[in-house]
Protein backbone atom coordinates (compact mmCIF):
# COMPACT_ATOMS: atom_id res chain seq x y z
CA MET A 1 109.95 94.42 40.35
CA ARG A 2 109.54 91.40 42.52
CA PRO A 3 109.86 91.88 46.40
CA LEU A 4 113.01 90.98 48.20
CA THR A 5 112.65 87.57 50.01
CA CYS A 6 114.81 85.54 52.18
CA LYS A 7 114.56 82.90 54.85
CA HIS A 8 114.93 85.28 57.73
CA ASP A 9 114.88 89.02 58.46
CA GLU A 10 117.44 90.27 61.01
CA THR A 11 116.23 92.74 63.72
CA ILE A 12 119.02 94.63 65.57
CA GLY A 13 119.04 93.80 69.19
CA SER A 14 117.06 90.66 68.74
CA GLU A 15 118.29 87.11 69.46
CA THR A 16 118.84 86.78 65.65
CA ASP A 17 122.45 86.11 64.67
CA ASN A 18 123.87 89.18 63.11
CA THR A 19 127.30 87.94 62.01
CA ASP A 20 127.19 90.00 58.95
CA LEU A 21 126.48 93.14 60.85
CA GLN A 22 128.32 92.77 64.06
CA ALA A 23 125.84 95.34 65.60
CA ASN A 24 125.24 96.09 69.16
CA ASN A 25 128.47 94.24 70.28
CA PRO A 26 130.35 96.57 72.67
CA ALA A 27 133.26 94.09 72.80
CA LEU A 28 134.10 95.40 69.25
CA GLY A 29 134.43 98.85 70.49
CA SER A 30 134.29 102.23 68.58
CA ALA A 31 137.78 101.66 66.94
CA TYR A 32 136.38 98.86 64.89
CA TYR A 33 133.64 100.89 63.46
CA GLU A 34 136.04 103.89 62.94
CA ARG A 35 138.57 101.59 61.09
CA ASN A 36 135.88 100.15 58.71
CA LEU A 37 134.49 103.68 58.01
CA LYS A 38 137.97 105.19 57.19
CA GLN A 39 138.74 102.34 54.93
CA LEU A 40 135.61 102.30 52.99
CA LYS A 41 135.17 106.04 52.94
CA ASP A 42 138.66 106.47 51.50
CA ILE A 43 137.90 104.03 48.64
CA HIS A 44 134.24 104.71 47.77
CA HIS A 45 133.15 108.21 49.28
CA SER A 46 136.22 110.41 49.53
CA GLN A 47 134.74 113.17 47.37
CA CYS A 48 131.45 113.39 49.21
CA LEU A 49 130.61 116.95 49.88
CA PHE A 50 130.51 115.96 53.71
CA ASN A 51 134.08 114.28 53.64
CA ARG A 52 136.16 116.73 51.59
CA GLN A 53 137.72 119.62 52.92
CA PRO A 54 136.15 122.29 53.38
CA SER A 55 133.11 120.45 54.06
CA ILE A 56 129.57 122.16 53.52
CA VAL A 57 129.06 121.99 57.31
CA PRO A 58 132.55 122.63 58.61
CA GLU A 59 131.78 121.83 62.22
CA LEU A 60 130.11 118.49 61.46
CA ARG A 61 131.82 115.74 63.38
CA PHE A 62 130.87 111.94 63.26
CA TYR A 63 132.05 109.33 65.65
CA PHE A 64 131.03 105.81 66.74
CA SER A 65 129.73 104.60 70.14
CA ASP A 66 131.03 101.21 71.25
CA SER A 67 127.65 99.64 70.42
CA GLY A 68 128.06 100.73 66.67
CA ASP A 69 125.73 103.69 66.62
CA LEU A 70 126.87 106.81 64.72
CA LEU A 71 126.90 109.90 66.85
CA GLY A 72 127.42 113.43 65.35
CA GLU A 73 127.64 117.06 66.37
CA PHE A 74 127.26 120.04 64.45
CA THR A 75 126.52 123.72 64.40
CA CYS A 76 125.21 125.22 61.07
CA ASN A 77 126.15 128.87 60.32
CA GLY A 78 124.07 131.44 58.54
CA SER A 79 125.21 130.27 55.20
CA LEU A 80 123.07 127.10 55.51
CA GLN A 81 119.91 129.18 56.54
CA GLY A 82 116.56 128.53 54.92
CA TYR A 83 114.01 130.57 56.63
CA ASP A 84 115.29 133.15 59.07
CA GLU A 85 117.46 131.70 61.90
CA MET A 86 116.62 128.13 60.66
CA VAL A 87 118.70 125.46 59.02
CA HIS A 88 117.54 124.85 55.47
CA GLY A 89 115.60 121.57 55.43
CA GLY A 90 117.48 120.17 52.39
CA VAL A 91 120.71 120.59 54.43
CA ILE A 92 119.24 118.54 57.39
CA ALA A 93 118.06 115.86 54.95
CA ALA A 94 121.63 115.67 53.37
CA ILE A 95 123.26 115.59 56.83
CA ILE A 96 120.90 112.60 57.66
CA ASP A 97 121.72 110.75 54.39
CA ALA A 98 125.40 111.27 54.96
CA SER A 99 125.17 109.95 58.65
CA MET A 100 123.32 106.88 57.40
CA ALA A 101 125.83 106.14 54.70
CA GLN A 102 128.71 106.60 57.03
CA CYS A 103 127.01 104.28 59.67
CA VAL A 104 126.68 101.40 57.39
CA MET A 105 130.20 101.93 56.27
CA GLY A 106 131.29 101.69 59.72
CA HIS A 107 129.66 98.19 59.79
CA GLY A 108 131.75 97.18 56.75
CA VAL A 109 129.02 97.73 54.16
CA VAL A 110 128.99 100.10 51.21
CA GLY A 111 125.27 100.95 50.49
CA TYR A 112 123.30 103.32 48.43
CA THR A 113 120.20 105.20 49.74
CA ALA A 114 117.06 103.39 48.67
CA ASP A 115 114.52 105.71 50.57
CA LEU A 116 114.68 108.37 53.03
CA SER A 117 111.78 109.88 55.13
CA VAL A 118 112.43 112.95 57.23
CA ARG A 119 110.06 114.39 59.92
CA TYR A 120 110.81 117.91 60.89
CA ARG A 121 109.26 118.12 64.49
CA LYS A 122 110.59 121.64 65.24
CA PRO A 123 112.93 124.13 63.47
CA VAL A 124 116.65 123.36 63.63
CA MET A 125 118.14 126.76 64.45
CA ILE A 126 121.30 128.09 63.05
CA ARG A 127 124.26 128.84 65.59
CA THR A 128 123.02 126.26 67.91
CA LYS A 129 124.82 123.08 69.01
CA THR A 130 123.02 120.09 67.29
CA ALA A 131 123.49 116.41 67.88
CA LEU A 132 122.38 113.28 66.03
CA LYS A 133 122.33 109.55 66.61
CA THR A 134 122.05 107.08 63.60
CA SER A 135 121.53 103.38 64.20
CA ILE A 136 120.87 100.39 61.92
CA THR A 137 117.55 98.86 63.15
CA ALA A 138 117.20 95.81 60.90
CA VAL A 139 118.76 93.94 58.13
CA LYS A 140 116.73 92.17 55.45
CA CYS A 141 118.39 89.34 53.43
CA GLY A 142 121.78 90.87 54.40
CA LEU A 143 121.06 93.36 51.61
CA LEU A 144 118.63 95.93 52.88
CA TYR A 145 119.64 97.95 55.99
CA SER A 146 116.82 99.88 57.65
CA MET A 147 118.28 102.99 59.49
CA ASN A 148 116.95 105.54 62.14
CA CYS A 149 118.29 108.89 62.78
CA GLU A 150 117.45 111.38 65.65
CA ILE A 151 118.47 114.98 65.79
CA THR A 152 118.32 117.02 69.01
CA GLN A 153 119.11 120.63 70.10
CA GLY A 154 119.46 120.77 73.78
CA GLU A 155 117.22 118.14 75.17
CA LYS A 156 114.58 118.54 72.34
CA LEU A 157 113.98 116.20 69.62
CA VAL A 158 113.87 118.33 66.51
CA VAL A 159 114.07 115.88 63.56
CA SER A 160 113.55 112.14 63.13
CA ALA A 161 114.16 110.04 60.12
CA THR A 162 114.10 106.63 58.63
CA GLY A 163 115.85 105.35 55.69
CA ARG A 164 116.87 102.08 53.84
CA PHE A 165 120.24 101.54 52.28
CA PHE A 166 120.82 98.87 49.60
CA LYS A 167 124.18 97.01 49.97
CA VAL A 168 126.31 97.07 46.95
CA LYS A 169 129.61 95.99 48.41
C-alpha cells in the first residue's frame, strides 16, 4: 500500500485554509453542524445501534458547539457493566467511535473508521454522569480526518482517544 501524499496537510486551528472542513468557525454556529449531521445520518447511518431507538445507551446525547466540536453526555446503567460498577471498555470504545463518526458527519463528511486508539486512564463508573468532547484535529489531503476524544466524569479525565476516519462521501 502506498502512502497518502498531497500538496499540503491541514491542521485545524492553523492558518491553513480549511474550506473543505469549515472547522473552528463560530460564525457557522451549532445549527450548521446539526443540519449536516441529521441529513447524512438519515441517509447513511440511520440503523447504527447508537442512532436507532431504543439505543444501546438510552441516555446518550450528542450536540455540537458553535466551533464544530461534538459534545456528548451519557450515563450508563448496569446492563453495560464490565467489571463491578464499571462500564465495559468495549462500550466506551463504541461510544467514542460513534462520536467520531457523527463529528465528521456534522462537518459534511461521511467517513469510515481507519483506526482507533483508546487510553483508559481511570475506570468509567456506571450510574455516573459522563461527558465527552470530540474534535477534528487535522485533515490530510482532504481524505483522512484525525480525531481526538476526551471523556470525563466530574472534573476527571477518565478516557482519551485518537482516531482517523477515511472520507468516502
